[in-house]
N, C-alpha and C. Protein backbone atom coordinates (compact mmCIF):
# COMPACT_ATOMS: atom_id res chain seq x y z
N UNK A 1 0.87 -1.15 -0.01
CA UNK A 1 0.02 -0.04 0.01
C UNK A 1 0.88 1.21 -0.04
N UNK A 2 0.60 2.16 -0.91
CA UNK A 2 1.46 3.37 -0.87
C UNK A 2 1.10 4.30 0.25
N UNK A 3 2.04 5.21 0.56
CA UNK A 3 1.84 6.17 1.67
C UNK A 3 0.60 6.98 1.55
N UNK A 4 0.19 7.28 0.46
CA UNK A 4 -1.03 8.13 0.33
C UNK A 4 -2.24 7.41 0.72
N UNK A 5 -2.27 6.11 0.41
CA UNK A 5 -3.38 5.17 0.64
C UNK A 5 -3.35 5.12 2.25
N UNK A 6 -2.22 4.96 2.83
CA UNK A 6 -2.13 4.70 4.33
C UNK A 6 -2.73 5.92 5.02
N UNK A 7 -2.40 7.08 4.61
CA UNK A 7 -2.97 8.36 5.26
C UNK A 7 -4.23 8.87 4.79
N UNK A 8 -4.90 8.24 3.68
CA UNK A 8 -5.95 8.76 3.16
C UNK A 8 -7.23 8.45 4.17
N UNK A 9 -7.14 7.41 4.97
CA UNK A 9 -8.25 7.13 5.84
C UNK A 9 -8.14 7.87 7.12
N UNK A 10 -9.18 8.57 7.45
CA UNK A 10 -9.16 9.53 8.64
C UNK A 10 -8.88 8.83 9.98
N UNK A 11 -9.26 7.63 10.25
CA UNK A 11 -9.03 7.01 11.53
C UNK A 11 -7.50 6.62 11.49
N UNK A 12 -6.90 6.18 10.40
CA UNK A 12 -5.38 5.98 10.48
C UNK A 12 -4.70 7.27 10.75
N UNK A 13 -5.09 8.35 10.06
CA UNK A 13 -4.51 9.58 10.36
C UNK A 13 -4.55 10.01 11.77
N UNK A 14 -5.70 9.80 12.32
CA UNK A 14 -6.03 10.10 13.81
C UNK A 14 -5.01 9.16 14.72
N UNK A 15 -4.79 7.97 14.35
CA UNK A 15 -3.96 7.14 15.09
C UNK A 15 -2.53 7.63 15.00
N UNK A 16 -2.08 7.99 13.73
CA UNK A 16 -0.65 8.50 13.52
C UNK A 16 -0.48 9.78 14.31
N UNK A 17 -1.49 10.72 14.22
CA UNK A 17 -1.43 11.96 14.93
C UNK A 17 -1.30 11.64 16.50
N UNK A 18 -2.04 10.82 17.03
CA UNK A 18 -2.01 10.50 18.37
C UNK A 18 -0.68 9.87 18.75
N UNK A 19 -0.08 8.79 17.99
CA UNK A 19 1.11 8.25 18.34
C UNK A 19 2.30 9.32 18.13
N UNK A 20 2.17 10.35 17.37
CA UNK A 20 3.23 11.40 17.29
C UNK A 20 3.42 11.95 18.57
N UNK A 21 2.39 11.96 19.49
CA UNK A 21 2.59 12.53 20.86
C UNK A 21 3.34 11.51 21.85
N UNK A 22 3.27 10.26 21.48
CA UNK A 22 3.78 9.26 22.35
C UNK A 22 3.25 7.96 22.20
N UNK A 23 3.79 6.89 22.68
CA UNK A 23 3.40 5.52 22.49
C UNK A 23 2.09 5.28 23.28
N UNK A 24 1.31 4.18 22.86
CA UNK A 24 0.08 3.90 23.47
C UNK A 24 -0.20 2.48 23.16
N UNK A 25 -1.05 1.93 23.93
CA UNK A 25 -1.67 0.63 23.64
C UNK A 25 -2.97 0.73 22.96
N UNK A 26 -3.55 -0.34 22.51
CA UNK A 26 -4.80 -0.31 21.72
C UNK A 26 -5.95 0.34 22.63
N UNK A 27 -5.96 -0.06 23.93
CA UNK A 27 -7.11 0.48 24.80
C UNK A 27 -6.93 2.01 24.95
N UNK A 28 -5.73 2.48 24.97
CA UNK A 28 -5.63 3.95 25.05
C UNK A 28 -6.07 4.66 23.82
N UNK A 29 -5.72 4.05 22.67
CA UNK A 29 -6.25 4.63 21.41
C UNK A 29 -7.74 4.62 21.27
N UNK A 30 -8.31 3.45 21.69
CA UNK A 30 -9.74 3.37 21.68
C UNK A 30 -10.37 4.35 22.58
N UNK A 31 -9.92 4.53 23.72
CA UNK A 31 -10.50 5.61 24.65
C UNK A 31 -10.29 7.00 24.12
N UNK A 32 -9.15 7.29 23.57
CA UNK A 32 -8.86 8.66 23.15
C UNK A 32 -9.65 9.00 21.78
N UNK A 33 -9.62 7.88 20.84
CA UNK A 33 -10.24 8.21 19.60
C UNK A 33 -11.74 7.91 19.48
N UNK A 34 -12.19 7.24 20.62
CA UNK A 34 -13.62 6.94 20.58
C UNK A 34 -14.17 6.08 19.37
N UNK A 35 -13.36 5.09 19.06
CA UNK A 35 -13.71 4.19 18.13
C UNK A 35 -13.55 2.74 18.64
N UNK A 36 -14.03 1.75 17.99
CA UNK A 36 -14.08 0.33 18.42
C UNK A 36 -12.65 -0.16 18.38
N UNK A 37 -12.54 -1.16 19.39
CA UNK A 37 -11.19 -1.85 19.42
C UNK A 37 -10.82 -2.55 18.17
N UNK A 38 -11.91 -3.21 17.52
CA UNK A 38 -11.59 -3.89 16.24
C UNK A 38 -11.19 -2.94 15.21
N UNK A 39 -11.72 -1.82 15.07
CA UNK A 39 -11.33 -0.77 14.08
C UNK A 39 -9.93 -0.23 14.39
N UNK A 40 -9.53 0.08 15.57
CA UNK A 40 -8.13 0.47 15.81
C UNK A 40 -7.15 -0.62 15.47
N UNK A 41 -7.57 -1.89 15.95
CA UNK A 41 -6.60 -3.08 15.52
C UNK A 41 -6.51 -3.18 14.14
N UNK A 42 -7.59 -2.98 13.33
CA UNK A 42 -7.44 -3.19 11.95
C UNK A 42 -6.53 -2.12 11.32
N UNK A 43 -6.74 -0.93 11.72
CA UNK A 43 -5.87 0.17 11.20
C UNK A 43 -4.40 0.07 11.61
N UNK A 44 -4.23 -0.36 12.90
CA UNK A 44 -2.87 -0.60 13.32
C UNK A 44 -2.09 -1.63 12.50
N UNK A 45 -2.78 -2.69 12.09
CA UNK A 45 -2.24 -3.72 11.29
C UNK A 45 -1.77 -3.17 10.02
N UNK A 46 -2.65 -2.25 9.32
CA UNK A 46 -2.31 -1.62 8.08
C UNK A 46 -1.02 -0.65 8.33
N UNK A 47 -1.07 0.04 9.38
CA UNK A 47 0.07 1.02 9.65
C UNK A 47 1.34 0.21 9.95
N UNK A 48 1.22 -0.90 10.65
CA UNK A 48 2.42 -1.78 10.81
C UNK A 48 2.96 -2.32 9.63
N UNK A 49 2.12 -2.80 8.72
CA UNK A 49 2.55 -3.31 7.44
C UNK A 49 3.11 -2.41 6.59
N UNK A 50 2.64 -1.17 6.60
CA UNK A 50 3.20 -0.01 5.81
C UNK A 50 4.55 0.52 6.52
N UNK A 51 4.94 0.07 7.67
CA UNK A 51 6.18 0.51 8.33
C UNK A 51 6.12 1.85 8.99
N UNK A 52 4.76 2.26 9.27
CA UNK A 52 4.49 3.53 9.97
C UNK A 52 4.69 3.39 11.50
N UNK A 53 4.22 2.27 12.00
CA UNK A 53 4.20 2.07 13.34
C UNK A 53 4.93 0.75 13.63
N UNK A 54 5.43 0.58 14.92
CA UNK A 54 6.00 -0.72 15.36
C UNK A 54 5.35 -0.87 16.67
N UNK A 55 5.46 -2.18 17.16
CA UNK A 55 5.00 -2.54 18.54
C UNK A 55 5.91 -3.33 19.27
N UNK A 56 5.68 -3.35 20.54
CA UNK A 56 6.37 -4.35 21.47
C UNK A 56 5.56 -4.81 22.49
N UNK A 57 5.70 -5.94 22.92
CA UNK A 57 4.92 -6.66 23.93
C UNK A 57 5.42 -6.24 25.31
N UNK A 58 4.51 -5.72 26.13
CA UNK A 58 4.84 -5.28 27.46
C UNK A 58 3.72 -6.05 28.37
N UNK A 59 4.12 -7.30 28.86
CA UNK A 59 3.25 -7.95 29.71
C UNK A 59 2.08 -8.43 28.71
N UNK A 60 0.84 -8.18 29.11
CA UNK A 60 -0.31 -8.58 28.27
C UNK A 60 -0.68 -7.59 27.28
N UNK A 61 0.09 -6.47 27.28
CA UNK A 61 -0.25 -5.33 26.40
C UNK A 61 0.82 -5.27 25.18
N UNK A 62 0.26 -4.78 24.12
CA UNK A 62 1.08 -4.41 23.01
C UNK A 62 1.14 -2.87 22.89
N UNK A 63 2.37 -2.38 22.86
CA UNK A 63 2.57 -0.89 22.88
C UNK A 63 3.02 -0.50 21.47
N UNK A 64 2.23 0.58 20.94
CA UNK A 64 2.57 0.96 19.61
C UNK A 64 3.22 2.36 19.57
N UNK A 65 4.08 2.52 18.75
CA UNK A 65 4.79 3.86 18.58
C UNK A 65 5.09 4.04 17.10
N UNK A 66 5.33 5.32 16.68
CA UNK A 66 5.74 5.72 15.29
C UNK A 66 7.17 5.11 15.08
N UNK A 67 7.37 4.77 13.81
CA UNK A 67 8.77 4.37 13.54
C UNK A 67 9.51 5.60 13.12
N UNK A 68 10.77 5.52 12.84
CA UNK A 68 11.58 6.64 12.45
C UNK A 68 11.53 6.68 10.89
N UNK A 69 10.86 5.90 10.28
CA UNK A 69 10.92 5.77 8.82
C UNK A 69 9.62 6.59 8.30
N UNK A 70 9.86 7.67 7.53
CA UNK A 70 8.67 8.47 6.98
C UNK A 70 8.18 7.60 5.81
N UNK A 71 6.98 8.04 5.38
CA UNK A 71 6.45 7.46 4.19
C UNK A 71 7.15 8.07 2.96
N UNK A 72 8.06 7.38 2.26
CA UNK A 72 8.92 8.03 1.28
C UNK A 72 8.16 8.66 0.23
N UNK A 73 7.07 7.99 -0.25
CA UNK A 73 6.40 8.63 -1.39
C UNK A 73 5.67 9.98 -1.02
N UNK A 74 5.12 9.96 0.22
CA UNK A 74 4.49 11.17 0.65
C UNK A 74 5.48 12.34 0.94
N UNK A 75 6.72 11.86 1.53
CA UNK A 75 7.76 12.87 1.74
C UNK A 75 8.29 13.36 0.49
N UNK A 76 8.47 12.53 -0.50
CA UNK A 76 9.06 13.04 -1.86
C UNK A 76 8.06 13.92 -2.44
N UNK A 77 6.73 13.73 -2.23
CA UNK A 77 5.75 14.59 -3.01
C UNK A 77 5.79 16.05 -2.33
N UNK A 78 5.72 16.00 -1.00
CA UNK A 78 5.53 17.28 -0.13
C UNK A 78 6.75 18.04 -0.08
N UNK A 79 7.93 17.44 -0.13
CA UNK A 79 9.17 18.22 0.02
C UNK A 79 9.35 19.42 -0.92
N UNK A 80 9.07 19.37 -2.25
CA UNK A 80 9.18 20.57 -3.07
C UNK A 80 8.25 21.63 -2.61
N UNK A 81 7.14 21.42 -2.12
CA UNK A 81 6.17 22.35 -1.64
C UNK A 81 6.65 23.11 -0.43
N UNK A 82 7.30 22.34 0.52
CA UNK A 82 7.84 22.82 1.78
C UNK A 82 9.01 23.75 1.39
N UNK A 83 9.84 23.28 0.45
CA UNK A 83 10.99 24.22 0.07
C UNK A 83 10.35 25.43 -0.60
N UNK A 84 9.42 25.42 -1.39
CA UNK A 84 9.00 26.61 -2.03
C UNK A 84 8.26 27.49 -0.87
N UNK A 85 7.58 26.96 0.01
CA UNK A 85 6.97 27.80 1.07
C UNK A 85 7.96 28.35 1.90
N UNK A 86 9.08 27.51 2.33
CA UNK A 86 10.13 28.15 3.05
C UNK A 86 10.75 29.28 2.44
N UNK A 87 11.01 29.21 1.06
CA UNK A 87 11.60 30.23 0.33
C UNK A 87 10.72 31.47 0.39
N UNK A 88 9.33 31.31 0.31
CA UNK A 88 8.41 32.49 0.39
C UNK A 88 8.44 33.13 1.74
N UNK A 89 8.53 32.31 2.76
CA UNK A 89 8.59 32.86 4.07
C UNK A 89 9.83 33.60 4.30
N UNK A 90 11.08 33.04 3.79
CA UNK A 90 12.26 33.82 3.82
C UNK A 90 12.21 35.13 3.27
N UNK A 91 11.61 35.22 2.05
CA UNK A 91 11.52 36.43 1.34
C UNK A 91 10.58 37.37 2.05
N UNK A 92 9.58 36.93 2.70
CA UNK A 92 8.62 37.72 3.48
C UNK A 92 9.30 38.22 4.74
N UNK A 93 10.18 37.50 5.37
CA UNK A 93 10.87 37.91 6.55
C UNK A 93 11.89 39.00 6.14
N UNK A 94 12.54 38.76 4.97
CA UNK A 94 13.49 39.84 4.44
C UNK A 94 12.80 41.21 4.26
N UNK A 95 11.55 41.10 3.64
CA UNK A 95 10.88 42.31 3.29
C UNK A 95 10.32 43.01 4.65
N UNK A 96 10.01 42.27 5.56
CA UNK A 96 9.55 42.81 6.90
C UNK A 96 10.76 43.46 7.60
N UNK A 97 11.84 42.77 7.44
CA UNK A 97 13.16 43.35 8.08
C UNK A 97 13.50 44.65 7.46
N UNK A 98 13.34 44.72 6.08
CA UNK A 98 13.69 45.88 5.45
C UNK A 98 12.79 47.14 5.80
N UNK A 99 11.62 46.88 6.12
CA UNK A 99 10.63 47.86 6.48
C UNK A 99 11.02 48.49 7.87
N UNK A 100 11.64 47.69 8.66
CA UNK A 100 12.01 48.14 10.02
C UNK A 100 13.08 49.16 9.98
């Protein structure tokens, strides 16, 4: 599954956004996102297969966290836009500085 398909689903994006703040088990994600355990588990499986999240067993719980590997196709697509916007912001900062 390509990176765009991975993040196209709103529940998966919500899981990724939540895990950006720190690791969690399935129960914590269910409570915070207010969706069913089976739905969270289904999306975690997709995210794990895509290499976005990883897990470790801690007692009876499985703890999930984001991996350090970004979605390469999404990153490749968005990078030129970030560079363009950063250039625009740099030009704006220079113009504001000149006005002072």
